[in-house]
């Protein structure tokens, strides 16, 4: 078969169309895979990360309220700070339980379970701090915070 310019042009454009078609199919498959992974991140990981961030800030706020409780000079303020601290403690537990219920990652679930058990131990020691604070024994309460409660 003799290749004329017409036949060469037809072959060239056919090859170009085939190459473009192959790249289009590859792009669609790749974009679908990216979409699935980004949906997984949105559904699985972002809520867990948001809960972890809330836990982190709630721990800091809890500790802040305990410090405020210690330096308070009247029981009315102490009651207020204790109620606020209890609210932050409840947020910590509920967010950790949310991670356990919704996360598909075993390490994240195990870390949340460990957090809950460590937090309950922390609350037990924290109750002693609050009791000393109510007795206006700030130095003793601070000694416990700087000792047993420091690691968390």
C-alpha atoms as a PDB file:
ATOM      1  CA  UNK A   1       0.000   0.000   0.000  1.00  0.00           C
ATOM      2  CA  UNK A   2       1.284   3.314  -1.057  1.00  0.00           C
ATOM      3  CA  UNK A   3       1.207   5.977   1.662  1.00  0.00           C
ATOM      4  CA  UNK A   4      -0.021   9.164   0.225  1.00  0.00           C
ATOM      5  CA  UNK A   5      -0.103  12.435   2.139  1.00  0.00           C
ATOM      6  CA  UNK A   6      -3.824  11.875   2.668  1.00  0.00           C
ATOM      7  CA  UNK A   7      -3.244   8.450   4.240  1.00  0.00           C
ATOM      8  CA  UNK A   8      -0.352   9.745   6.342  1.00  0.00           C
ATOM      9  CA  UNK A   9      -2.565  12.581   7.655  1.00  0.00           C
ATOM     10  CA  UNK A  10      -5.384  10.145   8.478  1.00  0.00           C
ATOM     11  CA  UNK A  11      -2.969   7.859  10.365  1.00  0.00           C
ATOM     12  CA  UNK A  12      -1.397  10.798  12.242  1.00  0.00           C
ATOM     13  CA  UNK A  13      -4.743  12.261  13.318  1.00  0.00           C
ATOM     14  CA  UNK A  14      -6.045   8.814  14.271  1.00  0.00           C
ATOM     15  CA  UNK A  15      -2.991   8.238  16.483  1.00  0.00           C
ATOM     16  CA  UNK A  16      -3.430  11.680  18.039  1.00  0.00           C
ATOM     17  CA  UNK A  17      -7.125  10.972  18.726  1.00  0.00           C
ATOM     18  CA  UNK A  18      -6.256   7.594  20.257  1.00  0.00           C
ATOM     19  CA  UNK A  19      -3.594   9.186  22.475  1.00  0.00           C
ATOM     20  CA  UNK A  20      -5.998  11.927  23.607  1.00  0.00           C
ATOM     21  CA  UNK A  21      -8.707   9.337  24.278  1.00  0.00           C
ATOM     22  CA  UNK A  22      -6.306   7.202  26.346  1.00  0.00           C
ATOM     23  CA  UNK A  23      -5.191  10.232  28.383  1.00  0.00           C
ATOM     24  CA  UNK A  24      -8.826  11.200  28.954  1.00  0.00           C
ATOM     25  CA  UNK A  25      -9.742   7.756  30.257  1.00  0.00           C
ATOM     26  CA  UNK A  26      -6.649   7.730  32.492  1.00  0.00           C
ATOM     27  CA  UNK A  27      -7.513  11.198  33.825  1.00  0.00           C
ATOM     28  CA  UNK A  28     -11.098  10.207  34.607  1.00  0.00           C
ATOM     29  CA  UNK A  29      -9.964   7.074  36.464  1.00  0.00           C
ATOM     30  CA  UNK A  30      -7.331   9.028  38.409  1.00  0.00           C
ATOM     31  CA  UNK A  31      -9.753  11.826  39.316  1.00  0.00           C
ATOM     32  CA  UNK A  32     -12.279   9.253  40.510  1.00  0.00           C
ATOM     33  CA  UNK A  33      -9.635   7.708  42.769  1.00  0.00           C
ATOM     34  CA  UNK A  34      -8.683  11.157  44.122  1.00  0.00           C
ATOM     35  CA  UNK A  35     -12.348  11.934  44.749  1.00  0.00           C
ATOM     36  CA  UNK A  36     -12.817   8.698  46.709  1.00  0.00           C
ATOM     37  CA  UNK A  37      -9.747   9.408  48.852  1.00  0.00           C
ATOM     38  CA  UNK A  38     -10.770  13.012  49.542  1.00  0.00           C
ATOM     39  CA  UNK A  39     -14.261  11.844  50.488  1.00  0.00           C
ATOM     40  CA  UNK A  40     -12.707   9.335  52.902  1.00  0.00           C
ATOM     41  CA  UNK A  41     -10.635  12.129  54.447  1.00  0.00           C
ATOM     42  CA  UNK A  42     -13.707  14.326  54.769  1.00  0.00           C
ATOM     43  CA  UNK A  43     -15.917  11.615  56.260  1.00  0.00           C
ATOM     44  CA  UNK A  44     -13.444   9.632  58.404  1.00  0.00           C
ATOM     45  CA  UNK A  45     -10.469  11.777  59.286  1.00  0.00           C
ATOM     46  CA  UNK A  46     -11.624  15.391  59.554  1.00  0.00           C
ATOM     47  CA  UNK A  47     -14.265  14.719  62.236  1.00  0.00           C
ATOM     48  CA  UNK A  48     -11.701  12.782  64.277  1.00  0.00           C
ATOM     49  CA  UNK A  49      -9.115  15.521  63.869  1.00  0.00           C
ATOM     50  CA  UNK A  50     -11.681  18.133  64.860  1.00  0.00           C
ATOM     51  CA  UNK A  51     -12.572  16.081  67.947  1.00  0.00           C
ATOM     52  CA  UNK A  52      -8.869  15.706  68.813  1.00  0.00           C
ATOM     53  CA  UNK A  53      -8.392  19.457  68.494  1.00  0.00           C
ATOM     54  CA  UNK A  54     -11.393  20.033  70.766  1.00  0.00           C
ATOM     55  CA  UNK A  55      -9.974  17.565  73.298  1.00  0.00           C
ATOM     56  CA  UNK A  56      -6.644  19.386  73.284  1.00  0.00           C
ATOM     57  CA  UNK A  57      -8.189  22.803  73.849  1.00  0.00           C
ATOM     58  CA  UNK A  58     -10.623  21.438  76.448  1.00  0.00           C
ATOM     59  CA  UNK A  59      -7.759  19.967  78.477  1.00  0.00           C
ATOM     60  CA  UNK A  60      -6.040  23.360  78.472  1.00  0.00           C
ATOM     61  CA  UNK A  61      -9.265  25.092  79.473  1.00  0.00           C
ATOM     62  CA  UNK A  62      -9.941  22.514  82.192  1.00  0.00           C
ATOM     63  CA  UNK A  63      -6.498  23.098  83.689  1.00  0.00           C
ATOM     64  CA  UNK A  64      -7.018  26.851  83.467  1.00  0.00           C
ATOM     65  CA  UNK A  65     -10.272  26.588  85.423  1.00  0.00           C
ATOM     66  CA  UNK A  66      -8.550  24.464  88.068  1.00  0.00           C
ATOM     67  CA  UNK A  67      -5.842  27.117  88.430  1.00  0.00           C
ATOM     68  CA  UNK A  68      -8.524  29.804  88.676  1.00  0.00           C
ATOM     69  CA  UNK A  69     -10.303  27.693  91.298  1.00  0.00           C
ATOM     70  CA  UNK A  70      -7.115  27.552  93.367  1.00  0.00           C
ATOM     71  CA  UNK A  71      -6.524  31.299  93.290  1.00  0.00           C
ATOM     72  CA  UNK A  72     -10.188  32.190  93.865  1.00  0.00           C
ATOM     73  CA  UNK A  73     -10.819  33.870  97.179  1.00  0.00           C
ATOM     74  CA  UNK A  74     -14.486  32.957  97.613  1.00  0.00           C
ATOM     75  CA  UNK A  75     -16.647  29.876  97.227  1.00  0.00           C
ATOM     76  CA  UNK A  76     -18.977  31.484  94.666  1.00  0.00           C
ATOM     77  CA  UNK A  77     -16.134  31.888  92.183  1.00  0.00           C
ATOM     78  CA  UNK A  78     -14.911  28.409  93.056  1.00  0.00           C
ATOM     79  CA  UNK A  79     -18.337  26.962  92.236  1.00  0.00           C
ATOM     80  CA  UNK A  80     -18.340  28.768  88.897  1.00  0.00           C
ATOM     81  CA  UNK A  81     -14.858  27.553  87.961  1.00  0.00           C
ATOM     82  CA  UNK A  82     -15.659  24.020  89.069  1.00  0.00           C
ATOM     83  CA  UNK A  83     -18.815  23.934  86.937  1.00  0.00           C
ATOM     84  CA  UNK A  84     -16.879  25.237  83.935  1.00  0.00           C
ATOM     85  CA  UNK A  85     -14.123  22.672  84.521  1.00  0.00           C
ATOM     86  CA  UNK A  86     -16.736  19.893  84.697  1.00  0.00           C
ATOM     87  CA  UNK A  87     -18.183  21.101  81.386  1.00  0.00           C
ATOM     88  CA  UNK A  88     -14.764  20.898  79.743  1.00  0.00           C
ATOM     89  CA  UNK A  89     -14.222  17.454  81.258  1.00  0.00           C
ATOM     90  CA  UNK A  90     -17.522  16.288  79.774  1.00  0.00           C
ATOM     91  CA  UNK A  91     -16.436  17.659  76.366  1.00  0.00           C
ATOM     92  CA  UNK A  92     -13.180  15.720  76.588  1.00  0.00           C
ATOM     93  CA  UNK A  93     -14.959  12.444  77.317  1.00  0.00           C
ATOM     94  CA  UNK A  94     -17.681  12.969  74.697  1.00  0.00           C
ATOM     95  CA  UNK A  95     -15.169  13.845  71.964  1.00  0.00           C
ATOM     96  CA  UNK A  96     -12.996  10.837  72.830  1.00  0.00           C
ATOM     97  CA  UNK A  97     -16.082   8.615  72.678  1.00  0.00           C
ATOM     98  CA  UNK A  98     -16.990  10.205  69.340  1.00  0.00           C
ATOM     99  CA  UNK A  99     -13.579   9.279  67.954  1.00  0.00           C
ATOM    100  CA  UNK A 100     -14.015   5.705  69.195  1.00  0.00           C
ATOM    101  CA  UNK A 101     -17.460   5.445  67.598  1.00  0.00           C
ATOM    102  CA  UNK A 102     -16.635   7.075  64.257  1.00  0.00           C
ATOM    103  CA  UNK A 103     -12.972   6.472  63.513  1.00  0.00           C
ATOM    104  CA  UNK A 104     -11.927   3.514  61.429  1.00  0.00           C
ATOM    105  CA  UNK A 105      -8.303   3.753  62.546  1.00  0.00           C
ATOM    106  CA  UNK A 106      -7.331   1.251  65.256  1.00  0.00           C
ATOM    107  CA  UNK A 107      -4.513   3.454  66.559  1.00  0.00           C
ATOM    108  CA  UNK A 108      -6.862   6.432  66.936  1.00  0.00           C
ATOM    109  CA  UNK A 109      -9.427   4.281  68.742  1.00  0.00           C
ATOM    110  CA  UNK A 110      -6.783   2.845  71.088  1.00  0.00           C
ATOM    111  CA  UNK A 111      -5.380   6.320  71.782  1.00  0.00           C
ATOM    112  CA  UNK A 112      -8.873   7.576  72.612  1.00  0.00           C
ATOM    113  CA  UNK A 113      -9.529   4.646  74.947  1.00  0.00           C
ATOM    114  CA  UNK A 114      -6.212   5.317  76.681  1.00  0.00           C
ATOM    115  CA  UNK A 115      -7.093   8.994  76.920  1.00  0.00           C
ATOM    116  CA  UNK A 116     -10.409   8.207  78.623  1.00  0.00           C
ATOM    117  CA  UNK A 117      -8.793   5.935  81.227  1.00  0.00           C
ATOM    118  CA  UNK A 118      -5.938   8.410  81.837  1.00  0.00           C
ATOM    119  CA  UNK A 119      -8.436  11.274  82.080  1.00  0.00           C
ATOM    120  CA  UNK A 120     -10.486   9.420  84.692  1.00  0.00           C
ATOM    121  CA  UNK A 121      -7.317   8.914  86.757  1.00  0.00           C
ATOM    122  CA  UNK A 122      -6.501  12.600  86.268  1.00  0.00           C
ATOM    123  CA  UNK A 123      -9.973  13.569  87.499  1.00  0.00           C
ATOM    124  CA  UNK A 124      -9.511  11.487  90.640  1.00  0.00           C
ATOM    125  CA  UNK A 125      -6.337  13.390  91.519  1.00  0.00           C
ATOM    126  CA  UNK A 126      -7.950  16.640  90.404  1.00  0.00           C
ATOM    127  CA  UNK A 127     -10.747  16.040  92.940  1.00  0.00           C
ATOM    128  CA  UNK A 128      -8.105  16.133  95.680  1.00  0.00           C
ATOM    129  CA  UNK A 129      -6.826  19.423  94.285  1.00  0.00           C
ATOM    130  CA  UNK A 130     -10.318  20.900  94.313  1.00  0.00           C
ATOM    131  CA  UNK A 131     -10.863  19.729  97.882  1.00  0.00           C
ATOM    132  CA  UNK A 132      -7.638  21.405  99.021  1.00  0.00           C
ATOM    133  CA  UNK A 133      -8.587  24.512  97.089  1.00  0.00           C
ATOM    134  CA  UNK A 134     -11.973  24.669  98.841  1.00  0.00           C
ATOM    135  CA  UNK A 135     -10.082  24.578 102.120  1.00  0.00           C
ATOM    136  CA  UNK A 136      -8.005  27.532 100.824  1.00  0.00           C
ATOM    137  CA  UNK A 137      -4.815  25.447 100.841  1.00  0.00           C
ATOM    138  CA  UNK A 138      -3.471  26.854  97.583  1.00  0.00           C
ATOM    139  CA  UNK A 139       0.137  25.805  98.157  1.00  0.00           C
ATOM    140  CA  UNK A 140      -0.821  22.185  98.780  1.00  0.00           C
ATOM    141  CA  UNK A 141      -3.095  22.174  95.732  1.00  0.00           C
ATOM    142  CA  UNK A 142      -0.341  23.652  93.544  1.00  0.00           C
ATOM    143  CA  UNK A 143       2.105  21.034  94.832  1.00  0.00           C
ATOM    144  CA  UNK A 144      -0.224  18.297  93.555  1.00  0.00           C
ATOM    145  CA  UNK A 145      -0.735  20.071  90.219  1.00  0.00           C
ATOM    146  CA  UNK A 146       2.989  20.501  89.723  1.00  0.00           C
ATOM    147  CA  UNK A 147       3.628  16.909  90.798  1.00  0.00           C
ATOM    148  CA  UNK A 148       1.021  14.262  89.999  1.00  0.00           C
ATOM    149  CA  UNK A 149      -0.997  16.287  87.491  1.00  0.00           C
ATOM    150  CA  UNK A 150       1.941  17.713  85.544  1.00  0.00           C
ATOM    151  CA  UNK A 151       2.322  14.834  83.010  1.00  0.00           C
ATOM    152  CA  UNK A 152      -1.031  15.363  81.330  1.00  0.00           C
END
